[in-house]
Structures are given as structure tokens and as C-alpha cells.
């Protein structure tokens, strides 16, 4: 799964993806950018 990295300013593949739920109950995927190490979030089902 890919997410937009704001530090690299491009879409990157999520490293170590984990399914999570946001405060409002929406599902999301959380992970790390493999290039710069910034946290990545992708809202919606995997």
C-alpha cells in the first residue's frame, strides 16, 4: 500500500504497515516512509 510522504513530496510504499482506527472511528493504515523515516498515514480500508 502506498501513502503520500510530505517530507519526500512523493508517494512511497508503507514500511511496517499497521491497521489502526482514528478518533472518529474511521479505519486507517499507519507506517513509516522507507526513505526518510517519516510517519505515514493512509485513511481508509487496506
C-alpha atoms as a PDB file:
ATOM      1  CA  UNK A   1       0.000   0.000   0.000  1.00  0.00           C
ATOM      2  CA  UNK A   2       1.234   3.494  -0.810  1.00  0.00           C
ATOM      3  CA  UNK A   3       0.821   6.791   1.025  1.00  0.00           C
ATOM      4  CA  UNK A   4       1.992  10.343   0.334  1.00  0.00           C
ATOM      5  CA  UNK A   5       5.158  11.345   2.197  1.00  0.00           C
ATOM      6  CA  UNK A   6       5.112  15.070   2.952  1.00  0.00           C
ATOM      7  CA  UNK A   7       8.852  15.182   3.571  1.00  0.00           C
ATOM      8  CA  UNK A   8       9.826  13.436   0.288  1.00  0.00           C
ATOM      9  CA  UNK A   9       6.849  15.008  -1.549  1.00  0.00           C
ATOM     10  CA  UNK A  10       6.047  11.805  -3.395  1.00  0.00           C
ATOM     11  CA  UNK A  11       4.080   8.583  -2.936  1.00  0.00           C
ATOM     12  CA  UNK A  12       6.004   5.853  -1.141  1.00  0.00           C
ATOM     13  CA  UNK A  13       5.317   2.255  -0.201  1.00  0.00           C
ATOM     14  CA  UNK A  14       4.425   1.996   3.508  1.00  0.00           C
ATOM     15  CA  UNK A  15       7.032   0.149   5.573  1.00  0.00           C
ATOM     16  CA  UNK A  16       5.731  -1.836   8.589  1.00  0.00           C
ATOM     17  CA  UNK A  17       2.016  -1.158   7.898  1.00  0.00           C
ATOM     18  CA  UNK A  18      -0.338  -1.445  10.871  1.00  0.00           C
ATOM     19  CA  UNK A  19      -4.123  -1.221  10.797  1.00  0.00           C
ATOM     20  CA  UNK A  20      -5.487   1.377  13.219  1.00  0.00           C
ATOM     21  CA  UNK A  21      -8.689   3.296  13.967  1.00  0.00           C
ATOM     22  CA  UNK A  22      -8.836   7.100  14.134  1.00  0.00           C
ATOM     23  CA  UNK A  23     -10.642   9.033  16.889  1.00  0.00           C
ATOM     24  CA  UNK A  24     -13.725   9.453  14.704  1.00  0.00           C
ATOM     25  CA  UNK A  25     -13.920   5.683  14.079  1.00  0.00           C
ATOM     26  CA  UNK A  26     -12.561   5.631  10.532  1.00  0.00           C
ATOM     27  CA  UNK A  27     -10.070   2.876   9.651  1.00  0.00           C
ATOM     28  CA  UNK A  28      -6.539   3.855   8.672  1.00  0.00           C
ATOM     29  CA  UNK A  29      -3.137   2.332   7.965  1.00  0.00           C
ATOM     30  CA  UNK A  30      -0.079   3.648   9.764  1.00  0.00           C
ATOM     31  CA  UNK A  31       3.546   3.057   8.849  1.00  0.00           C
ATOM     32  CA  UNK A  32       6.937   4.563   8.102  1.00  0.00           C
ATOM     33  CA  UNK A  33       8.498   6.001   4.946  1.00  0.00           C
ATOM     34  CA  UNK A  34      11.321   3.643   3.837  1.00  0.00           C
ATOM     35  CA  UNK A  35      13.449   6.557   2.552  1.00  0.00           C
ATOM     36  CA  UNK A  36      13.297   9.275   5.230  1.00  0.00           C
ATOM     37  CA  UNK A  37      11.625   7.528   8.202  1.00  0.00           C
ATOM     38  CA  UNK A  38       8.670   9.923   8.488  1.00  0.00           C
ATOM     39  CA  UNK A  39       5.358   8.532   9.797  1.00  0.00           C
ATOM     40  CA  UNK A  40       2.820   7.845   7.035  1.00  0.00           C
ATOM     41  CA  UNK A  41      -0.951   7.560   7.334  1.00  0.00           C
ATOM     42  CA  UNK A  42      -3.415   6.273   4.756  1.00  0.00           C
ATOM     43  CA  UNK A  43      -7.085   6.779   5.646  1.00  0.00           C
ATOM     44  CA  UNK A  44      -9.483   4.051   4.509  1.00  0.00           C
ATOM     45  CA  UNK A  45      -9.564   0.279   4.448  1.00  0.00           C
ATOM     46  CA  UNK A  46      -6.500  -1.601   3.300  1.00  0.00           C
END
